Amino acid sequence: MQRILSIDYLRGLMALSVLIYHFVSWSLGVPSSDTILARLGIYAVSLFYVISGIALYQIYADTRWSIKNIGIFAIKRFFRIAPVYWLATASIILLAVITLPPFTPDWLAYFSNFFLIFGFYDPATYVPTGGWSIGNEVVFYFTFPILIILARYRWLFFSVLCLILALYAYFAFVALTPENTLAKQWATYVNPLNQLFLFALGIGAAWARRKIEITQRAAAAALIFSVFIFIMYPAKGDLITLVTGIERLVFTFCCGGACFSLLYLRPSFPNFIDKPLRFLGDTSYSIYLLHGVISKYSLTYLYPLLSNDSPVIKCLFLFIFVLPCTILVSHFIYRHLEKPMIDAGKRAEIYLTNKNNETLNKVPA
């Protein structure tokens, strides 16, 4: 499958947006919902889900789903997400062991994080920063074969998509309330049922790309419109206003519209722009999961050496020192852990496919 560079660019930029949002929140305070940074801090992860749905549909749209193929899909996804998640989780646990004596381990949380099953029963028990979204992603993988099979039947898929949208609206208008802060309702917000529509929206966007042709100019206009509404739509106060009520639907469909538009666009940038964007796209997963780890270690052991705990100094420390360290470490982890494990998953797929073919060839006609 040919990579869609515009989607890769978006994934990398969103990972960087999450990093910047966290660095500002941890030093200067959580930005208000009327700022672009606050909106990106929330909806960058939403875009990850949409992108995931798009990417998986592009790969598996024509797959004939069997028990064997479901197993291969599960193995490849495990190789894709587990190693870096394990590294981030183990690093946070190690820091807790060192800095929080007497240390009381939460064995159930650690077990569920290492086996990536916490999203099914308690998605708020993630260990690394941002880990909740990975728990949700694993839940979505279990729904994916069903959703992609349904996508072959237009009206059935549309009906299921409407049901998932209704569930999404339930969280936006009922389960979450603007009277309380997002922090106080975090466990409800990170429920995978509150995020599933975003993943399904990505599948729907990729499906529609196969059926609908629009011009590059129309796609660019739709992208500009989506970005404009995302930036300018009035919302202020606590972050909860971004994920409740009509605002939730507006910002969600801005994300969906942007991704759908990018499926049609084939941007051509000079190398000095293209290479950094490709780099961010490749390392986005490591950047997303490891920036919290590197920040915690740096703030624990290096930042106190500055003997100045002002918010501005902390912010400068995060951006001048921790950000470059995060980029370098993420690149190293991508090359020496993430990419080799992705390749191992592909080799496992080839091995299992060939083994199955050999078995079939031995069956007498």
Protein backbone atom coordinates (compact mmCIF):
# COMPACT_ATOMS: atom_id res chain seq x y z
CA MET A 1 0.00 0.00 0.00
CA GLN A 2 1.31 3.43 -0.97
CA ARG A 3 1.80 5.73 2.00
CA ILE A 4 -0.27 8.90 2.11
CA LEU A 5 2.35 11.48 2.99
CA SER A 6 -0.15 14.15 3.97
CA ILE A 7 -1.56 11.83 6.65
CA ASP A 8 1.96 10.97 7.84
CA TYR A 9 2.74 14.67 8.09
CA LEU A 10 -0.42 15.23 10.14
CA ARG A 11 0.41 12.37 12.52
CA GLY A 12 3.85 13.81 13.21
CA LEU A 13 2.59 17.35 13.71
CA MET A 14 -0.08 16.14 16.12
CA ALA A 15 2.49 14.23 18.20
CA LEU A 16 4.53 17.43 18.41
CA SER A 17 1.38 19.36 19.35
CA VAL A 18 0.71 17.01 22.27
CA LEU A 19 4.30 17.47 23.46
CA ILE A 20 4.05 21.27 23.28
CA TYR A 21 0.67 21.24 25.02
CA HIS A 22 2.04 19.13 27.87
CA PHE A 23 5.20 21.21 28.25
CA VAL A 24 3.17 24.40 28.53
CA SER A 25 0.64 22.78 30.90
CA TRP A 26 3.38 21.41 33.17
CA SER A 27 5.12 24.77 33.45
CA LEU A 28 2.85 27.75 32.76
CA GLY A 29 -0.48 26.08 33.43
CA VAL A 30 -3.21 24.43 31.37
CA PRO A 31 -4.19 26.76 28.50
CA SER A 32 -7.76 27.98 28.15
CA SER A 33 -10.05 26.29 25.66
CA ASP A 34 -10.15 29.41 23.47
CA THR A 35 -6.50 28.88 22.51
CA ILE A 36 -5.29 26.84 19.55
CA LEU A 37 -2.88 24.98 21.83
CA ALA A 38 -5.67 23.75 24.12
CA ARG A 39 -7.71 22.55 21.15
CA LEU A 40 -4.74 20.74 19.67
CA GLY A 41 -3.89 19.27 23.07
CA ILE A 42 -7.31 17.61 23.17
CA TYR A 43 -8.00 16.87 19.53
CA ALA A 44 -4.52 15.80 18.45
CA VAL A 45 -5.24 12.47 20.13
CA SER A 46 -8.66 12.42 18.48
CA LEU A 47 -6.89 12.83 15.15
CA PHE A 48 -4.66 9.86 16.02
CA TYR A 49 -7.79 7.71 16.21
CA VAL A 50 -9.12 9.00 12.90
CA ILE A 51 -5.73 8.43 11.27
CA SER A 52 -5.58 4.93 12.73
CA GLY A 53 -8.96 4.08 11.22
CA ILE A 54 -7.83 5.45 7.85
CA ALA A 55 -4.52 3.60 7.86
CA LEU A 56 -5.98 0.25 8.88
CA TYR A 57 -8.75 0.48 6.30
CA GLN A 58 -6.20 1.26 3.59
CA ILE A 59 -4.25 -1.87 4.52
CA TYR A 60 -7.06 -4.32 5.21
CA ALA A 61 -9.99 -3.18 3.05
CA ASP A 62 -9.75 -6.22 0.77
CA THR A 63 -8.71 -8.78 3.39
CA ARG A 64 -10.74 -11.96 3.65
CA TRP A 65 -11.19 -12.22 7.40
CA SER A 66 -10.62 -15.64 8.89
CA ILE A 67 -9.39 -16.82 12.28
CA LYS A 68 -5.89 -17.00 10.81
CA ASN A 69 -6.03 -13.47 9.40
CA ILE A 70 -7.44 -12.08 12.63
CA GLY A 71 -4.54 -13.72 14.46
CA ILE A 72 -2.02 -12.23 12.03
CA PHE A 73 -3.63 -8.81 12.43
CA ALA A 74 -3.39 -9.09 16.24
CA ILE A 75 0.26 -10.16 16.10
CA LYS A 76 1.24 -7.29 13.80
CA ARG A 77 -0.53 -4.71 15.94
CA PHE A 78 1.06 -6.13 19.09
CA PHE A 79 4.53 -5.85 17.56
CA ARG A 80 3.65 -2.32 16.46
CA ILE A 81 2.54 -0.84 19.77
CA ALA A 82 3.71 -3.06 22.64
CA PRO A 83 7.53 -2.65 22.70
CA VAL A 84 7.61 1.15 23.01
CA TYR A 85 4.67 1.07 25.42
CA TRP A 86 6.53 -1.48 27.56
CA LEU A 87 9.61 0.74 27.56
CA ALA A 88 7.62 3.80 28.63
CA THR A 89 5.74 1.86 31.32
CA ALA A 90 8.86 0.20 32.74
CA SER A 91 10.67 3.56 32.83
CA ILE A 92 7.87 5.21 34.82
CA ILE A 93 7.67 2.28 37.25
CA LEU A 94 11.45 2.39 37.74
CA LEU A 95 11.31 6.11 38.51
CA ALA A 96 8.55 5.48 41.06
CA VAL A 97 10.61 2.73 42.71
CA ILE A 98 13.60 5.06 43.01
CA THR A 99 11.85 8.26 44.09
CA LEU A 100 8.85 7.07 46.12
CA PRO A 101 10.11 4.92 48.99
CA PRO A 102 8.39 3.08 50.50
CA PHE A 103 7.10 2.05 47.10
CA THR A 104 3.73 0.26 46.98
CA PRO A 105 3.32 -1.49 43.63
CA ASP A 106 -0.07 -1.70 41.95
CA TRP A 107 0.39 -5.15 40.45
CA LEU A 108 -2.99 -5.26 38.74
CA ALA A 109 -2.34 -1.96 36.97
CA TYR A 110 1.15 -3.07 35.92
CA PHE A 111 -0.12 -6.42 34.67
CA SER A 112 -2.92 -4.82 32.65
CA ASN A 113 -0.53 -2.22 31.21
CA PHE A 114 2.06 -4.76 30.09
CA PHE A 115 -0.63 -6.91 28.50
CA LEU A 116 -2.41 -3.81 27.14
CA ILE A 117 -5.81 -4.86 28.48
CA PHE A 118 -6.56 -1.99 30.89
CA GLY A 119 -8.68 -0.23 28.27
CA PHE A 120 -11.28 -2.97 28.56
CA TYR A 121 -12.04 -2.55 32.24
CA ASP A 122 -10.39 0.59 33.68
CA PRO A 123 -8.90 2.87 31.00
CA ALA A 124 -7.78 5.44 33.59
CA THR A 125 -5.18 3.04 35.07
CA TYR A 126 -2.59 3.72 32.38
CA VAL A 127 1.00 4.21 33.55
CA PRO A 128 2.87 6.40 31.02
CA THR A 129 1.73 9.86 29.96
CA GLY A 130 -0.80 9.46 27.16
CA GLY A 131 -1.08 5.73 27.75
CA TRP A 132 -4.87 5.90 27.96
CA SER A 133 -5.09 6.40 24.20
CA ILE A 134 -3.10 3.22 23.58
CA GLY A 135 -5.47 1.28 25.82
CA ASN A 136 -8.35 2.65 23.76
CA GLU A 137 -6.58 1.77 20.53
CA VAL A 138 -6.32 -1.88 21.60
CA VAL A 139 -10.06 -1.92 22.27
CA PHE A 140 -10.64 -0.50 18.79
CA TYR A 141 -8.52 -3.26 17.26
CA PHE A 142 -11.03 -5.77 18.59
CA THR A 143 -13.84 -3.93 16.81
CA PHE A 144 -11.91 -3.36 13.58
CA PRO A 145 -12.57 -6.67 11.75
CA ILE A 146 -16.29 -6.22 12.40
CA LEU A 147 -16.33 -2.59 11.27
CA ILE A 148 -14.36 -3.24 8.10
CA ILE A 149 -16.58 -6.16 7.13
CA LEU A 150 -19.63 -3.96 7.70
CA ALA A 151 -18.03 -1.30 5.48
CA ARG A 152 -18.58 -3.64 2.53
CA TYR A 153 -22.33 -3.16 3.02
CA ARG A 154 -22.95 0.55 2.65
CA TRP A 155 -26.26 0.99 4.44
CA LEU A 156 -25.43 -1.46 7.20
CA PHE A 157 -22.15 0.32 7.87
CA PHE A 158 -23.88 3.70 7.79
CA SER A 159 -26.46 2.47 10.30
CA VAL A 160 -23.77 1.19 12.67
CA LEU A 161 -21.86 4.45 12.27
CA CYS A 162 -25.00 6.35 13.29
CA LEU A 163 -25.37 4.15 16.37
CA ILE A 164 -21.75 4.81 17.35
CA LEU A 165 -22.36 8.52 16.78
CA ALA A 166 -25.37 8.35 19.10
CA LEU A 167 -23.12 6.81 21.76
CA TYR A 168 -20.61 9.58 21.14
CA ALA A 169 -23.36 12.18 21.60
CA TYR A 170 -24.42 10.50 24.85
CA PHE A 171 -21.01 11.18 26.34
CA ALA A 172 -20.93 14.73 24.95
CA PHE A 173 -24.39 15.73 26.21
CA VAL A 174 -25.10 13.42 29.17
CA ALA A 175 -22.15 11.50 30.65
CA LEU A 176 -19.86 14.55 30.65
CA THR A 177 -21.08 17.82 32.09
CA PRO A 178 -19.66 21.33 31.55
CA GLU A 179 -20.39 22.09 35.22
CA ASN A 180 -17.30 20.09 36.27
CA THR A 181 -13.75 20.31 34.99
CA LEU A 182 -12.32 17.82 32.54
CA ALA A 183 -9.78 16.76 35.17
CA LYS A 184 -12.59 15.69 37.53
CA GLN A 185 -14.29 13.73 34.75
CA TRP A 186 -11.13 12.31 33.20
CA ALA A 187 -12.05 8.66 33.86
CA THR A 188 -15.28 9.17 31.92
CA TYR A 189 -13.60 11.03 29.09
CA VAL A 190 -10.98 8.33 28.46
CA ASN A 191 -13.61 5.60 28.23
CA PRO A 192 -13.07 3.92 24.83
CA LEU A 193 -16.81 4.13 24.16
CA ASN A 194 -16.36 7.91 24.19
CA GLN A 195 -13.65 7.65 21.52
CA LEU A 196 -14.84 4.81 19.28
CA PHE A 197 -16.64 7.11 16.86
CA LEU A 198 -13.35 8.80 15.98
CA PHE A 199 -11.83 5.48 14.93
CA ALA A 200 -14.98 4.55 12.99
CA LEU A 201 -14.94 8.00 11.38
CA GLY A 202 -11.47 7.26 10.03
CA ILE A 203 -12.68 3.98 8.54
CA GLY A 204 -15.62 5.83 7.01
CA ALA A 205 -13.36 8.52 5.55
CA ALA A 206 -11.07 5.95 3.93
CA TRP A 207 -14.11 4.06 2.61
CA ALA A 208 -15.55 7.27 1.15
CA ARG A 209 -12.21 8.06 -0.50
CA ARG A 210 -12.61 4.93 -2.59
CA LYS A 211 -16.12 5.89 -3.65
CA ILE A 212 -15.97 9.66 -4.11
CA GLU A 213 -13.69 11.72 -6.33
CA ILE A 214 -13.16 15.41 -5.70
CA THR A 215 -10.65 17.84 -7.14
CA GLN A 216 -7.48 18.94 -5.40
CA ARG A 217 -8.90 22.46 -5.25
CA ALA A 218 -12.08 21.28 -3.54
CA ALA A 219 -10.06 19.19 -1.08
CA ALA A 220 -7.84 22.16 -0.27
CA ALA A 221 -10.90 24.36 0.26
CA ALA A 222 -12.44 21.76 2.59
CA LEU A 223 -9.19 21.55 4.55
CA ILE A 224 -8.97 25.32 4.93
CA PHE A 225 -12.60 25.49 6.02
CA SER A 226 -12.11 22.71 8.60
CA VAL A 227 -9.01 24.38 10.04
CA PHE A 228 -10.70 27.79 10.09
CA ILE A 229 -13.72 26.51 12.04
CA PHE A 230 -11.45 24.54 14.39
CA ILE A 231 -9.51 27.70 15.25
CA MET A 232 -12.30 30.27 15.26
CA TYR A 233 -15.29 28.43 16.73
CA PRO A 234 -16.14 30.18 20.03
CA ALA A 235 -15.34 28.19 23.16
CA LYS A 236 -13.73 29.36 26.37
CA GLY A 237 -13.07 28.33 29.94
CA ASP A 238 -12.06 24.88 31.12
CA LEU A 239 -11.12 22.20 28.60
CA ILE A 240 -14.40 20.44 29.33
CA THR A 241 -16.13 22.92 27.00
CA LEU A 242 -14.19 21.41 24.08
CA VAL A 243 -15.54 17.89 24.64
CA THR A 244 -19.15 18.51 25.64
CA GLY A 245 -22.26 19.76 23.91
CA ILE A 246 -22.35 20.98 20.33
CA GLU A 247 -18.67 21.93 20.56
CA ARG A 248 -17.76 18.26 20.72
CA LEU A 249 -19.53 17.59 17.44
CA VAL A 250 -18.16 20.70 15.73
CA PHE A 251 -14.54 20.00 16.61
CA THR A 252 -14.91 16.31 15.81
CA PHE A 253 -16.20 16.94 12.32
CA CYS A 254 -13.47 19.53 11.77
CA CYS A 255 -10.99 16.74 12.50
CA GLY A 256 -12.82 14.34 10.22
CA GLY A 257 -13.07 16.94 7.46
CA ALA A 258 -9.37 17.73 7.66
CA CYS A 259 -8.38 14.06 7.43
CA PHE A 260 -10.81 13.37 4.59
CA SER A 261 -9.43 16.36 2.67
CA LEU A 262 -5.84 15.23 3.17
CA LEU A 263 -6.66 11.87 1.58
CA TYR A 264 -7.04 13.73 -1.72
CA LEU A 265 -4.08 16.08 -1.40
CA ARG A 266 -0.61 15.17 -2.59
CA PRO A 267 1.55 18.02 -1.32
CA SER A 268 5.03 18.44 -2.74
CA PHE A 269 7.41 20.24 -0.40
CA PRO A 270 11.10 21.07 -0.78
CA ASN A 271 13.45 18.76 1.13
CA PHE A 272 13.99 21.16 4.02
CA ILE A 273 10.26 20.90 4.78
CA ASP A 274 9.54 17.35 3.61
CA LYS A 275 12.34 15.66 5.57
CA PRO A 276 11.44 17.10 9.00
CA LEU A 277 7.78 16.27 8.41
CA ARG A 278 8.64 12.70 7.39
CA PHE A 279 10.89 12.43 10.43
CA LEU A 280 8.09 13.54 12.75
CA GLY A 281 5.69 11.12 11.06
CA ASP A 282 8.08 8.20 11.50
CA THR A 283 8.92 8.96 15.13
CA SER A 284 5.47 10.21 16.19
CA TYR A 285 4.62 7.16 18.30
CA SER A 286 7.90 7.29 20.23
CA ILE A 287 7.61 11.06 20.67
CA TYR A 288 4.07 10.69 21.97
CA LEU A 289 4.85 7.96 24.52
CA LEU A 290 8.35 8.98 25.59
CA HIS A 291 8.11 12.75 26.01
CA GLY A 292 6.42 12.27 29.38
CA VAL A 293 9.05 9.77 30.51
CA ILE A 294 11.97 11.99 29.51
CA SER A 295 10.29 15.01 31.10
CA LYS A 296 9.74 13.23 34.42
CA TYR A 297 13.36 12.05 34.64
CA SER A 298 14.70 15.46 33.59
CA LEU A 299 12.48 17.37 36.03
CA THR A 300 13.40 14.96 38.82
CA TYR A 301 17.18 14.87 38.42
CA LEU A 302 18.32 17.81 36.28
CA TYR A 303 15.90 20.67 36.72
CA PRO A 304 16.56 21.04 40.50
CA LEU A 305 20.19 21.87 39.63
CA LEU A 306 18.99 25.20 38.25
CA SER A 307 17.83 26.25 41.74
CA ASN A 308 14.98 28.21 40.20
CA ASP A 309 11.44 26.88 40.22
CA SER A 310 9.70 29.71 38.38
CA PRO A 311 7.17 28.67 35.72
CA VAL A 312 9.05 30.54 32.99
CA ILE A 313 12.36 28.85 33.81
CA LYS A 314 10.67 25.46 33.89
CA CYS A 315 9.07 26.15 30.51
CA LEU A 316 12.43 27.19 29.04
CA PHE A 317 14.05 24.08 30.49
CA LEU A 318 11.43 21.85 28.90
CA PHE A 319 11.68 23.45 25.47
CA ILE A 320 15.42 24.12 25.31
CA PHE A 321 16.65 20.89 26.90
CA VAL A 322 13.91 18.26 27.16
CA LEU A 323 12.42 18.77 23.69
CA PRO A 324 15.69 18.13 21.79
CA CYS A 325 16.43 15.18 24.09
CA THR A 326 12.98 13.77 23.35
CA ILE A 327 13.50 14.09 19.59
CA LEU A 328 16.92 12.40 19.75
CA VAL A 329 15.82 9.59 22.05
CA SER A 330 12.66 9.01 20.01
CA HIS A 331 14.71 8.75 16.83
CA PHE A 332 17.04 6.24 18.49
CA ILE A 333 14.13 4.18 19.82
CA TYR A 334 12.40 4.27 16.44
CA ARG A 335 15.47 2.96 14.65
CA HIS A 336 16.58 0.38 17.20
CA LEU A 337 13.33 -0.81 18.79
CA GLU A 338 10.16 0.37 17.09
CA LYS A 339 11.17 -0.23 13.44
CA PRO A 340 12.82 -3.63 14.10
CA MET A 341 9.70 -4.79 15.95
CA ILE A 342 7.46 -3.60 13.10
CA ASP A 343 9.67 -5.57 10.70
CA ALA A 344 9.48 -8.59 13.02
CA GLY A 345 5.69 -8.40 12.86
CA LYS A 346 5.85 -8.38 9.07
CA ARG A 347 8.16 -11.41 9.08
CA ALA A 348 5.75 -13.21 11.41
CA GLU A 349 2.95 -12.46 8.95
CA ILE A 350 4.95 -13.90 6.04
CA TYR A 351 5.91 -16.98 8.04
CA LEU A 352 2.35 -17.71 9.15
CA THR A 353 0.98 -17.10 5.66
CA ASN A 354 3.54 -19.42 4.05
CA LYS A 355 2.97 -22.07 6.70
CA ASN A 356 -0.75 -21.96 6.07
CA ASN A 357 -0.19 -22.24 2.30
CA GLU A 358 2.08 -25.26 2.82
CA THR A 359 -0.62 -26.91 4.92
CA LEU A 360 -3.21 -26.28 2.22
CA ASN A 361 -0.92 -27.70 -0.45
CA LYS A 362 -0.56 -30.93 1.52
CA VAL A 363 -4.31 -31.47 1.59
CA PRO A 364 -5.17 -34.03 -1.13
CA ALA A 365 -7.42 -32.79 -3.90
